[in-house]
Amino acid sequence: MRHKSFLSVLAFTGLVACASSGGAWMKAGADEDQVRVDQSSCRAMAERAMGRDNNVTRDIRTSIPGGRDDVRAVVQDTRDLRAARSFEKLYAQCMRSLGYTQEKS
């Protein structure tokens, strides 16, 4: 089970990295240092928001008894993909709210 958890985290990280590589974030007048600071801030905001969502999901998941392990695995993989997409959406919204646009790759 521990191996499965590691693979889920690895897949989630890969999905976020791929989703984030759509193109560079650009903002008129912002130097590289400012872009890095803003990206870090938006990543932290998205992680906090996702942490709250994951805690709610975990509470719901642990309150439902029974179920087969293979079904749980499919549900978890689906949740991981949704989480990666939600993270990227929150991150992109934050960057746009700071005045950034993303280059097309």
PDB file of N, CA and C in Angstrom:
ATOM      1  N   MET A   1       0.826  -1.189   0.000  1.00  0.00           N
ATOM      2  CA  MET A   1       0.000   0.000   0.000  1.00  0.00           C
ATOM      3  C   MET A   1       0.873   1.257   0.000  1.00  0.00           C
ATOM      4  N   ARG A   2       1.975   1.204   0.747  1.00  0.00           N
ATOM      5  CA  ARG A   2       2.879   2.349   0.822  1.00  0.00           C
ATOM      6  C   ARG A   2       3.456   2.654  -0.563  1.00  0.00           C
ATOM      7  N   HIS A   3       3.755   1.603  -1.333  1.00  0.00           N
ATOM      8  CA  HIS A   3       4.279   1.766  -2.690  1.00  0.00           C
ATOM      9  C   HIS A   3       3.250   2.464  -3.573  1.00  0.00           C
ATOM     10  N   LYS A   4       1.993   2.100  -3.434  1.00  0.00           N
ATOM     11  CA  LYS A   4       0.908   2.704  -4.211  1.00  0.00           C
ATOM     12  C   LYS A   4       0.792   4.191  -3.886  1.00  0.00           C
ATOM     13  N   SER A   5       0.920   4.536  -2.606  1.00  0.00           N
ATOM     14  CA  SER A   5       0.844   5.942  -2.205  1.00  0.00           C
ATOM     15  C   SER A   5       1.977   6.746  -2.824  1.00  0.00           C
ATOM     16  N   PHE A   6       3.174   6.174  -2.818  1.00  0.00           N
ATOM     17  CA  PHE A   6       4.320   6.850  -3.407  1.00  0.00           C
ATOM     18  C   PHE A   6       4.094   7.072  -4.899  1.00  0.00           C
ATOM     19  N   LEU A   7       3.581   6.060  -5.576  1.00  0.00           N
ATOM     20  CA  LEU A   7       3.322   6.199  -7.015  1.00  0.00           C
ATOM     21  C   LEU A   7       2.255   7.256  -7.281  1.00  0.00           C
ATOM     22  N   SER A   8       1.251   7.340  -6.427  1.00  0.00           N
ATOM     23  CA  SER A   8       0.213   8.355  -6.598  1.00  0.00           C
ATOM     24  C   SER A   8       0.790   9.755  -6.445  1.00  0.00           C
ATOM     25  N   VAL A   9       1.639   9.939  -5.434  1.00  0.00           N
ATOM     26  CA  VAL A   9       2.273  11.246  -5.227  1.00  0.00           C
ATOM     27  C   VAL A   9       3.175  11.578  -6.401  1.00  0.00           C
ATOM     28  N   LEU A  10       3.937  10.593  -6.872  1.00  0.00           N
ATOM     29  CA  LEU A  10       4.824  10.797  -8.016  1.00  0.00           C
ATOM     30  C   LEU A  10       4.023  11.172  -9.264  1.00  0.00           C
ATOM     31  N   ALA A  11       2.925  10.479  -9.497  1.00  0.00           N
ATOM     32  CA  ALA A  11       2.080  10.785 -10.658  1.00  0.00           C
ATOM     33  C   ALA A  11       1.482  12.178 -10.535  1.00  0.00           C
ATOM     34  N   PHE A  12       1.015  12.534  -9.336  1.00  0.00           N
ATOM     35  CA  PHE A  12       0.445  13.860  -9.105  1.00  0.00           C
ATOM     36  C   PHE A  12       1.484  14.938  -9.396  1.00  0.00           C
ATOM     37  N   THR A  13       2.692  14.756  -8.880  1.00  0.00           N
ATOM     38  CA  THR A  13       3.761  15.730  -9.099  1.00  0.00           C
ATOM     39  C   THR A  13       4.073  15.856 -10.590  1.00  0.00           C
ATOM     40  N   GLY A  14       4.120  14.731 -11.276  1.00  0.00           N
ATOM     41  CA  GLY A  14       4.390  14.757 -12.719  1.00  0.00           C
ATOM     42  C   GLY A  14       3.302  15.470 -13.485  1.00  0.00           C
ATOM     43  N   LEU A  15       2.068  15.234 -13.114  1.00  0.00           N
ATOM     44  CA  LEU A  15       0.958  15.901 -13.791  1.00  0.00           C
ATOM     45  C   LEU A  15       1.010  17.406 -13.584  1.00  0.00           C
ATOM     46  N   VAL A  16       1.299  17.814 -12.365  1.00  0.00           N
ATOM     47  CA  VAL A  16       1.385  19.248 -12.081  1.00  0.00           C
ATOM     48  C   VAL A  16       2.540  19.862 -12.864  1.00  0.00           C
ATOM     49  N   ALA A  17       3.665  19.172 -12.901  1.00  0.00           N
ATOM     50  CA  ALA A  17       4.820  19.692 -13.642  1.00  0.00           C
ATOM     51  C   ALA A  17       4.494  19.816 -15.123  1.00  0.00           C
ATOM     52  N   CYS A  18       3.848  18.802 -15.677  1.00  0.00           N
ATOM     53  CA  CYS A  18       3.491  18.845 -17.100  1.00  0.00           C
ATOM     54  C   CYS A  18       2.479  19.952 -17.371  1.00  0.00           C
ATOM     55  N   ALA A  19       1.499  20.053 -16.505  1.00  0.00           N
ATOM     56  CA  ALA A  19       0.474  21.069 -16.700  1.00  0.00           C
ATOM     57  C   ALA A  19       1.065  22.463 -16.585  1.00  0.00           C
ATOM     58  N   SER A  20       2.054  22.623 -15.721  1.00  0.00           N
ATOM     59  CA  SER A  20       2.653  23.931 -15.517  1.00  0.00           C
ATOM     60  C   SER A  20       3.607  24.309 -16.635  1.00  0.00           C
ATOM     61  N   SER A  21       3.988  23.351 -17.467  1.00  0.00           N
ATOM     62  CA  SER A  21       4.966  23.629 -18.518  1.00  0.00           C
ATOM     63  C   SER A  21       4.311  24.080 -19.809  1.00  0.00           C
ATOM     64  N   GLY A  22       3.065  24.585 -19.749  1.00  0.00           N
ATOM     65  CA  GLY A  22       2.363  25.041 -20.930  1.00  0.00           C
ATOM     66  C   GLY A  22       3.040  26.215 -21.608  1.00  0.00           C
ATOM     67  N   GLY A  23       3.854  26.917 -20.900  1.00  0.00           N
ATOM     68  CA  GLY A  23       4.552  28.069 -21.430  1.00  0.00           C
ATOM     69  C   GLY A  23       4.964  28.980 -20.286  1.00  0.00           C
ATOM     70  N   ALA A  24       5.894  29.862 -20.552  1.00  0.00           N
ATOM     71  CA  ALA A  24       6.394  30.755 -19.518  1.00  0.00           C
ATOM     72  C   ALA A  24       5.348  31.793 -19.147  1.00  0.00           C
ATOM     73  N   TRP A  25       5.325  32.159 -17.882  1.00  0.00           N
ATOM     74  CA  TRP A  25       4.446  33.222 -17.414  1.00  0.00           C
ATOM     75  C   TRP A  25       5.157  34.544 -17.636  1.00  0.00           C
ATOM     76  N   MET A  26       4.475  35.489 -18.275  1.00  0.00           N
ATOM     77  CA  MET A  26       5.063  36.778 -18.628  1.00  0.00           C
ATOM     78  C   MET A  26       4.216  37.917 -18.055  1.00  0.00           C
ATOM     79  N   LYS A  27       4.931  38.984 -17.659  1.00  0.00           N
ATOM     80  CA  LYS A  27       4.251  40.183 -17.176  1.00  0.00           C
ATOM     81  C   LYS A  27       5.149  41.366 -17.514  1.00  0.00           C
ATOM     82  N   ALA A  28       4.585  42.355 -18.158  1.00  0.00           N
ATOM     83  CA  ALA A  28       5.353  43.536 -18.524  1.00  0.00           C
ATOM     84  C   ALA A  28       5.964  44.168 -17.278  1.00  0.00           C
ATOM     85  N   GLY A  29       7.250  44.418 -17.328  1.00  0.00           N
ATOM     86  CA  GLY A  29       7.949  45.074 -16.230  1.00  0.00           C
ATOM     87  C   GLY A  29       8.422  44.152 -15.124  1.00  0.00           C
ATOM     88  N   ALA A  30       8.054  42.879 -15.166  1.00  0.00           N
ATOM     89  CA  ALA A  30       8.472  41.940 -14.121  1.00  0.00           C
ATOM     90  C   ALA A  30       9.780  41.264 -14.529  1.00  0.00           C
ATOM     91  N   ASP A  31      10.772  41.325 -13.640  1.00  0.00           N
ATOM     92  CA  ASP A  31      12.033  40.625 -13.918  1.00  0.00           C
ATOM     93  C   ASP A  31      11.921  39.171 -13.437  1.00  0.00           C
ATOM     94  N   GLU A  32      12.964  38.385 -13.696  1.00  0.00           N
ATOM     95  CA  GLU A  32      12.933  36.957 -13.358  1.00  0.00           C
ATOM     96  C   GLU A  32      12.709  36.723 -11.870  1.00  0.00           C
ATOM     97  N   ASP A  33      13.330  37.552 -11.039  1.00  0.00           N
ATOM     98  CA  ASP A  33      13.159  37.392  -9.593  1.00  0.00           C
ATOM     99  C   ASP A  33      11.709  37.611  -9.181  1.00  0.00           C
ATOM    100  N   GLN A  34      11.067  38.629  -9.730  1.00  0.00           N
ATOM    101  CA  GLN A  34       9.673  38.901  -9.393  1.00  0.00           C
ATOM    102  C   GLN A  34       8.764  37.770  -9.866  1.00  0.00           C
ATOM    103  N   VAL A  35       9.044  37.241 -11.062  1.00  0.00           N
ATOM    104  CA  VAL A  35       8.248  36.121 -11.577  1.00  0.00           C
ATOM    105  C   VAL A  35       8.376  34.930 -10.633  1.00  0.00           C
ATOM    106  N   ARG A  36       9.596  34.629 -10.190  1.00  0.00           N
ATOM    107  CA  ARG A  36       9.805  33.502  -9.269  1.00  0.00           C
ATOM    108  C   ARG A  36       9.065  33.714  -7.943  1.00  0.00           C
ATOM    109  N   VAL A  37       9.122  34.912  -7.413  1.00  0.00           N
ATOM    110  CA  VAL A  37       8.426  35.218  -6.158  1.00  0.00           C
ATOM    111  C   VAL A  37       6.918  35.029  -6.335  1.00  0.00           C
ATOM    112  N   ASP A  38       6.381  35.561  -7.425  1.00  0.00           N
ATOM    113  CA  ASP A  38       4.943  35.441  -7.675  1.00  0.00           C
ATOM    114  C   ASP A  38       4.543  33.987  -7.915  1.00  0.00           C
ATOM    115  N   GLN A  39       5.364  33.235  -8.641  1.00  0.00           N
ATOM    116  CA  GLN A  39       5.064  31.817  -8.869  1.00  0.00           C
ATOM    117  C   GLN A  39       5.065  31.050  -7.548  1.00  0.00           C
ATOM    118  N   SER A  40       6.035  31.335  -6.709  1.00  0.00           N
ATOM    119  CA  SER A  40       6.117  30.674  -5.409  1.00  0.00           C
ATOM    120  C   SER A  40       4.893  30.998  -4.559  1.00  0.00           C
ATOM    121  N   SER A  41       4.490  32.249  -4.577  1.00  0.00           N
ATOM    122  CA  SER A  41       3.315  32.675  -3.828  1.00  0.00           C
ATOM    123  C   SER A  41       2.054  31.970  -4.328  1.00  0.00           C
ATOM    124  N   CYS A  42       1.904  31.895  -5.639  1.00  0.00           N
ATOM    125  CA  CYS A  42       0.722  31.243  -6.212  1.00  0.00           C
ATOM    126  C   CYS A  42       0.735  29.738  -5.963  1.00  0.00           C
ATOM    127  N   ARG A  43       1.924  29.131  -6.020  1.00  0.00           N
ATOM    128  CA  ARG A  43       2.028  27.703  -5.709  1.00  0.00           C
ATOM    129  C   ARG A  43       1.605  27.444  -4.261  1.00  0.00           C
ATOM    130  N   ALA A  44       2.092  28.286  -3.347  1.00  0.00           N
ATOM    131  CA  ALA A  44       1.752  28.115  -1.933  1.00  0.00           C
ATOM    132  C   ALA A  44       0.249  28.286  -1.707  1.00  0.00           C
ATOM    133  N   MET A  45      -0.347  29.281  -2.370  1.00  0.00           N
ATOM    134  CA  MET A  45      -1.788  29.508  -2.229  1.00  0.00           C
ATOM    135  C   MET A  45      -2.558  28.288  -2.737  1.00  0.00           C
ATOM    136  N   ALA A  46      -2.163  27.761  -3.902  1.00  0.00           N
ATOM    137  CA  ALA A  46      -2.856  26.602  -4.472  1.00  0.00           C
ATOM    138  C   ALA A  46      -2.674  25.375  -3.584  1.00  0.00           C
ATOM    139  N   GLU A  47      -1.475  25.196  -3.033  1.00  0.00           N
ATOM    140  CA  GLU A  47      -1.228  24.058  -2.145  1.00  0.00           C
ATOM    141  C   GLU A  47      -2.080  24.157  -0.886  1.00  0.00           C
ATOM    142  N   ARG A  48      -2.193  25.357  -0.323  1.00  0.00           N
ATOM    143  CA  ARG A  48      -3.052  25.530   0.861  1.00  0.00           C
ATOM    144  C   ARG A  48      -4.498  25.190   0.521  1.00  0.00           C
ATOM    145  N   ALA A  49      -4.972  25.696  -0.601  1.00  0.00           N
ATOM    146  CA  ALA A  49      -6.351  25.426  -1.014  1.00  0.00           C
ATOM    147  C   ALA A  49      -6.559  23.937  -1.263  1.00  0.00           C
ATOM    148  N   MET A  50      -5.591  23.298  -1.900  1.00  0.00           N
ATOM    149  CA  MET A  50      -5.700  21.859  -2.177  1.00  0.00           C
ATOM    150  C   MET A  50      -5.623  21.054  -0.889  1.00  0.00           C
ATOM    151  N   GLY A  51      -4.842  21.508   0.061  1.00  0.00           N
ATOM    152  CA  GLY A  51      -4.752  20.819   1.344  1.00  0.00           C
ATOM    153  C   GLY A  51      -6.091  20.790   2.052  1.00  0.00           C
ATOM    154  N   ARG A  52      -6.791  21.919   2.004  1.00  0.00           N
ATOM    155  CA  ARG A  52      -8.126  21.951   2.607  1.00  0.00           C
ATOM    156  C   ARG A  52      -9.050  20.988   1.876  1.00  0.00           C
ATOM    157  N   ASP A  53      -8.993  20.981   0.540  1.00  0.00           N
ATOM    158  CA  ASP A  53      -9.836  20.072  -0.238  1.00  0.00           C
ATOM    159  C   ASP A  53      -9.491  18.620   0.062  1.00  0.00           C
ATOM    160  N   ASN A  54      -8.196  18.310   0.137  1.00  0.00           N
ATOM    161  CA  ASN A  54      -7.777  16.936   0.409  1.00  0.00           C
ATOM    162  C   ASN A  54      -8.195  16.491   1.806  1.00  0.00           C
ATOM    163  N   ASN A  55      -8.160  17.390   2.783  1.00  0.00           N
ATOM    164  CA  ASN A  55      -8.597  17.035   4.132  1.00  0.00           C
ATOM    165  C   ASN A  55     -10.082  16.711   4.157  1.00  0.00           C
ATOM    166  N   VAL A  56     -10.883  17.477   3.436  1.00  0.00           N
ATOM    167  CA  VAL A  56     -12.318  17.207   3.357  1.00  0.00           C
ATOM    168  C   VAL A  56     -12.544  15.860   2.677  1.00  0.00           C
ATOM    169  N   THR A  57     -11.855  15.620   1.567  1.00  0.00           N
ATOM    170  CA  THR A  57     -11.999  14.350   0.844  1.00  0.00           C
ATOM    171  C   THR A  57     -11.582  13.184   1.732  1.00  0.00           C
ATOM    172  N   ARG A  58     -10.461  13.331   2.459  1.00  0.00           N
ATOM    173  CA  ARG A  58      -9.990  12.268   3.339  1.00  0.00           C
ATOM    174  C   ARG A  58     -11.025  11.978   4.417  1.00  0.00           C
ATOM    175  N   ASP A  59     -11.607  13.021   4.998  1.00  0.00           N
ATOM    176  CA  ASP A  59     -12.611  12.827   6.037  1.00  0.00           C
ATOM    177  C   ASP A  59     -13.819  12.075   5.495  1.00  0.00           C
ATOM    178  N   ILE A  60     -14.249  12.426   4.307  1.00  0.00           N
ATOM    179  CA  ILE A  60     -15.386  11.735   3.693  1.00  0.00           C
ATOM    180  C   ILE A  60     -15.026  10.291   3.395  1.00  0.00           C
ATOM    181  N   ARG A  61     -13.840  10.091   2.800  1.00  0.00           N
ATOM    182  CA  ARG A  61     -13.405   8.755   2.405  1.00  0.00           C
ATOM    183  C   ARG A  61     -13.294   7.837   3.618  1.00  0.00           C
ATOM    184  N   THR A  62     -12.753   8.327   4.747  1.00  0.00           N
ATOM    185  CA  THR A  62     -12.571   7.475   5.914  1.00  0.00           C
ATOM    186  C   THR A  62     -13.878   7.249   6.665  1.00  0.00           C
ATOM    187  N   SER A  63     -14.899   8.043   6.386  1.00  0.00           N
ATOM    188  CA  SER A  63     -16.169   7.857   7.077  1.00  0.00           C
ATOM    189  C   SER A  63     -17.070   6.849   6.364  1.00  0.00           C
ATOM    190  N   ILE A  64     -16.666   6.400   5.169  1.00  0.00           N
ATOM    191  CA  ILE A  64     -17.474   5.443   4.410  1.00  0.00           C
ATOM    192  C   ILE A  64     -16.855   4.056   4.568  1.00  0.00           C
ATOM    193  N   PRO A  65     -17.515   3.147   5.281  1.00  0.00           N
ATOM    194  CA  PRO A  65     -16.962   1.813   5.500  1.00  0.00           C
ATOM    195  C   PRO A  65     -17.121   0.918   4.276  1.00  0.00           C
ATOM    196  N   GLY A  66     -16.265  -0.117   4.211  1.00  0.00           N
ATOM    197  CA  GLY A  66     -16.388  -1.129   3.165  1.00  0.00           C
ATOM    198  C   GLY A  66     -15.791  -0.699   1.848  1.00  0.00           C
ATOM    199  N   GLY A  67     -16.081  -1.481   0.805  1.00  0.00           N
ATOM    200  CA  GLY A  67     -15.549  -1.179  -0.515  1.00  0.00           C
ATOM    201  C   GLY A  67     -14.384  -2.078  -0.844  1.00  0.00           C
ATOM    202  N   ARG A  68     -14.182  -2.320  -2.113  1.00  0.00           N
ATOM    203  CA  ARG A  68     -13.099  -3.187  -2.542  1.00  0.00           C
ATOM    204  C   ARG A  68     -11.862  -2.372  -2.833  1.00  0.00           C
ATOM    205  N   ASP A  69     -10.705  -2.971  -2.588  1.00  0.00           N
ATOM    206  CA  ASP A  69      -9.434  -2.274  -2.778  1.00  0.00           C
ATOM    207  C   ASP A  69      -9.226  -1.829  -4.224  1.00  0.00           C
ATOM    208  N   ASP A  70      -9.614  -2.655  -5.188  1.00  0.00           N
ATOM    209  CA  ASP A  70      -9.400  -2.262  -6.584  1.00  0.00           C
ATOM    210  C   ASP A  70     -10.266  -1.072  -6.968  1.00  0.00           C
ATOM    211  N   VAL A  71     -11.473  -0.999  -6.447  1.00  0.00           N
ATOM    212  CA  VAL A  71     -12.354   0.139  -6.703  1.00  0.00           C
ATOM    213  C   VAL A  71     -11.763   1.381  -6.040  1.00  0.00           C
ATOM    214  N   ARG A  72     -11.277   1.218  -4.831  1.00  0.00           N
ATOM    215  CA  ARG A  72     -10.652   2.342  -4.137  1.00  0.00           C
ATOM    216  C   ARG A  72      -9.458   2.872  -4.915  1.00  0.00           C
ATOM    217  N   ALA A  73      -8.669   1.980  -5.493  1.00  0.00           N
ATOM    218  CA  ALA A  73      -7.492   2.403  -6.265  1.00  0.00           C
ATOM    219  C   ALA A  73      -7.901   3.233  -7.469  1.00  0.00           C
ATOM    220  N   VAL A  74      -8.943   2.809  -8.174  1.00  0.00           N
ATOM    221  CA  VAL A  74      -9.419   3.563  -9.334  1.00  0.00           C
ATOM    222  C   VAL A  74      -9.936   4.929  -8.898  1.00  0.00           C
ATOM    223  N   VAL A  75     -10.677   4.958  -7.810  1.00  0.00           N
ATOM    224  CA  VAL A  75     -11.211   6.220  -7.301  1.00  0.00           C
ATOM    225  C   VAL A  75     -10.058   7.140  -6.901  1.00  0.00           C
ATOM    226  N   GLN A  76      -9.023   6.600  -6.239  1.00  0.00           N
ATOM    227  CA  GLN A  76      -7.881   7.405  -5.820  1.00  0.00           C
ATOM    228  C   GLN A  76      -7.142   7.970  -7.027  1.00  0.00           C
ATOM    229  N   ASP A  77      -6.930   7.148  -8.059  1.00  0.00           N
ATOM    230  CA  ASP A  77      -6.247   7.635  -9.267  1.00  0.00           C
ATOM    231  C   ASP A  77      -7.035   8.761  -9.930  1.00  0.00           C
ATOM    232  N   THR A  78      -8.355   8.623  -9.958  1.00  0.00           N
ATOM    233  CA  THR A  78      -9.212   9.664 -10.526  1.00  0.00           C
ATOM    234  C   THR A  78      -9.112  10.937  -9.701  1.00  0.00           C
ATOM    235  N   ARG A  79      -9.093  10.789  -8.381  1.00  0.00           N
ATOM    236  CA  ARG A  79      -8.944  11.941  -7.497  1.00  0.00           C
ATOM    237  C   ARG A  79      -7.605  12.639  -7.728  1.00  0.00           C
ATOM    238  N   ASP A  80      -6.535  11.849  -7.925  1.00  0.00           N
ATOM    239  CA  ASP A  80      -5.217  12.436  -8.155  1.00  0.00           C
ATOM    240  C   ASP A  80      -5.214  13.286  -9.423  1.00  0.00           C
ATOM    241  N   LEU A  81      -5.823  12.795 -10.484  1.00  0.00           N
ATOM    242  CA  LEU A  81      -5.897  13.541 -11.734  1.00  0.00           C
ATOM    243  C   LEU A  81      -6.722  14.811 -11.546  1.00  0.00           C
ATOM    244  N   ARG A  82      -7.839  14.695 -10.865  1.00  0.00           N
ATOM    245  CA  ARG A  82      -8.668  15.875 -10.592  1.00  0.00           C
ATOM    246  C   ARG A  82      -7.910  16.879  -9.729  1.00  0.00           C
ATOM    247  N   ALA A  83      -7.171  16.373  -8.758  1.00  0.00           N
ATOM    248  CA  ALA A  83      -6.395  17.258  -7.879  1.00  0.00           C
ATOM    249  C   ALA A  83      -5.337  18.010  -8.675  1.00  0.00           C
ATOM    250  N   ALA A  84      -4.670  17.322  -9.593  1.00  0.00           N
ATOM    251  CA  ALA A  84      -3.654  17.979 -10.421  1.00  0.00           C
ATOM    252  C   ALA A  84      -4.288  19.070 -11.277  1.00  0.00           C
ATOM    253  N   ARG A  85      -5.425  18.774 -11.844  1.00  0.00           N
ATOM    254  CA  ARG A  85      -6.117  19.775 -12.666  1.00  0.00           C
ATOM    255  C   ARG A  85      -6.597  20.953 -11.819  1.00  0.00           C
ATOM    256  N   SER A  86      -7.122  20.658 -10.643  1.00  0.00           N
ATOM    257  CA  SER A  86      -7.584  21.728  -9.757  1.00  0.00           C
ATOM    258  C   SER A  86      -6.430  22.601  -9.307  1.00  0.00           C
ATOM    259  N   PHE A  87      -5.298  21.970  -8.985  1.00  0.00           N
ATOM    260  CA  PHE A  87      -4.117  22.717  -8.569  1.00  0.00           C
ATOM    261  C   PHE A  87      -3.681  23.664  -9.681  1.00  0.00           C
ATOM    262  N   GLU A  88      -3.591  23.147 -10.896  1.00  0.00           N
ATOM    263  CA  GLU A  88      -3.146  23.969 -12.022  1.00  0.00           C
ATOM    264  C   GLU A  88      -4.115  25.120 -12.275  1.00  0.00           C
ATOM    265  N   LYS A  89      -5.403  24.859 -12.131  1.00  0.00           N
ATOM    266  CA  LYS A  89      -6.408  25.907 -12.336  1.00  0.00           C
ATOM    267  C   LYS A  89      -6.257  27.009 -11.282  1.00  0.00           C
ATOM    268  N   LEU A  90      -6.095  26.627 -10.022  1.00  0.00           N
ATOM    269  CA  LEU A  90      -5.907  27.611  -8.952  1.00  0.00           C
ATOM    270  C   LEU A  90      -4.629  28.415  -9.165  1.00  0.00           C
ATOM    271  N   TYR A  91      -3.565  27.727  -9.534  1.00  0.00           N
ATOM    272  CA  TYR A  91      -2.273  28.373  -9.775  1.00  0.00           C
ATOM    273  C   TYR A  91      -2.382  29.379 -10.921  1.00  0.00           C
ATOM    274  N   ALA A  92      -3.001  28.955 -12.018  1.00  0.00           N
ATOM    275  CA  ALA A  92      -3.149  29.836 -13.186  1.00  0.00           C
ATOM    276  C   ALA A  92      -4.032  31.045 -12.857  1.00  0.00           C
ATOM    277  N   GLN A  93      -5.104  30.832 -12.108  1.00  0.00           N
ATOM    278  CA  GLN A  93      -5.968  31.948 -11.719  1.00  0.00           C
ATOM    279  C   GLN A  93      -5.190  32.952 -10.882  1.00  0.00           C
ATOM    280  N   CYS A  94      -4.372  32.460  -9.991  1.00  0.00           N
ATOM    281  CA  CYS A  94      -3.567  33.339  -9.145  1.00  0.00           C
ATOM    282  C   CYS A  94      -2.597  34.153  -9.999  1.00  0.00           C
ATOM    283  N   MET A  95      -1.896  33.487 -10.906  1.00  0.00           N
ATOM    284  CA  MET A  95      -0.930  34.185 -11.759  1.00  0.00           C
ATOM    285  C   MET A  95      -1.632  35.233 -12.618  1.00  0.00           C
ATOM    286  N   ARG A  96      -2.774  34.888 -13.170  1.00  0.00           N
ATOM    287  CA  ARG A  96      -3.520  35.858 -13.983  1.00  0.00           C
ATOM    288  C   ARG A  96      -3.995  37.035 -13.148  1.00  0.00           C
ATOM    289  N   SER A  97      -4.378  36.753 -11.891  1.00  0.00           N
ATOM    290  CA  SER A  97      -4.843  37.846 -11.025  1.00  0.00           C
ATOM    291  C   SER A  97      -3.707  38.827 -10.697  1.00  0.00           C
ATOM    292  N   LEU A  98      -2.473  38.360 -10.832  1.00  0.00           N
ATOM    293  CA  LEU A  98      -1.303  39.235 -10.626  1.00  0.00           C
ATOM    294  C   LEU A  98      -0.872  39.929 -11.904  1.00  0.00           C
ATOM    295  N   GLY A  99      -1.624  39.711 -12.991  1.00  0.00           N
ATOM    296  CA  GLY A  99      -1.341  40.398 -14.246  1.00  0.00           C
ATOM    297  C   GLY A  99      -0.471  39.636 -15.230  1.00  0.00           C
ATOM    298  N   TYR A 100      -0.276  38.342 -14.999  1.00  0.00           N
ATOM    299  CA  TYR A 100       0.563  37.545 -15.891  1.00  0.00           C
ATOM    300  C   TYR A 100      -0.277  36.921 -17.007  1.00  0.00           C
ATOM    301  N   THR A 101       0.401  36.663 -18.114  1.00  0.00           N
ATOM    302  CA  THR A 101      -0.165  35.871 -19.198  1.00  0.00           C
ATOM    303  C   THR A 101       0.792  34.723 -19.448  1.00  0.00           C
ATOM    304  N   GLN A 102       0.283  33.655 -20.024  1.00  0.00           N
ATOM    305  CA  GLN A 102       1.120  32.491 -20.283  1.00  0.00           C
ATOM    306  C   GLN A 102       1.333  32.325 -21.768  1.00  0.00           C
ATOM    307  N   GLU A 103       2.613  32.185 -22.147  1.00  0.00           N
ATOM    308  CA  GLU A 103       2.949  31.950 -23.550  1.00  0.00           C
ATOM    309  C   GLU A 103       2.413  30.591 -23.967  1.00  0.00           C
ATOM    310  N   LYS A 104       2.030  30.482 -25.207  1.00  0.00           N
ATOM    311  CA  LYS A 104       1.617  29.175 -25.760  1.00  0.00           C
ATOM    312  C   LYS A 104       2.870  28.385 -26.080  1.00  0.00           C
ATOM    313  N   SER A 105       2.851  27.110 -25.729  1.00  0.00           N
ATOM    314  CA  SER A 105       4.034  26.288 -26.014  1.00  0.00           C
ATOM    315  C   SER A 105       3.936  25.595 -27.346  1.00  0.00           C
TER     316      SER A 105
END
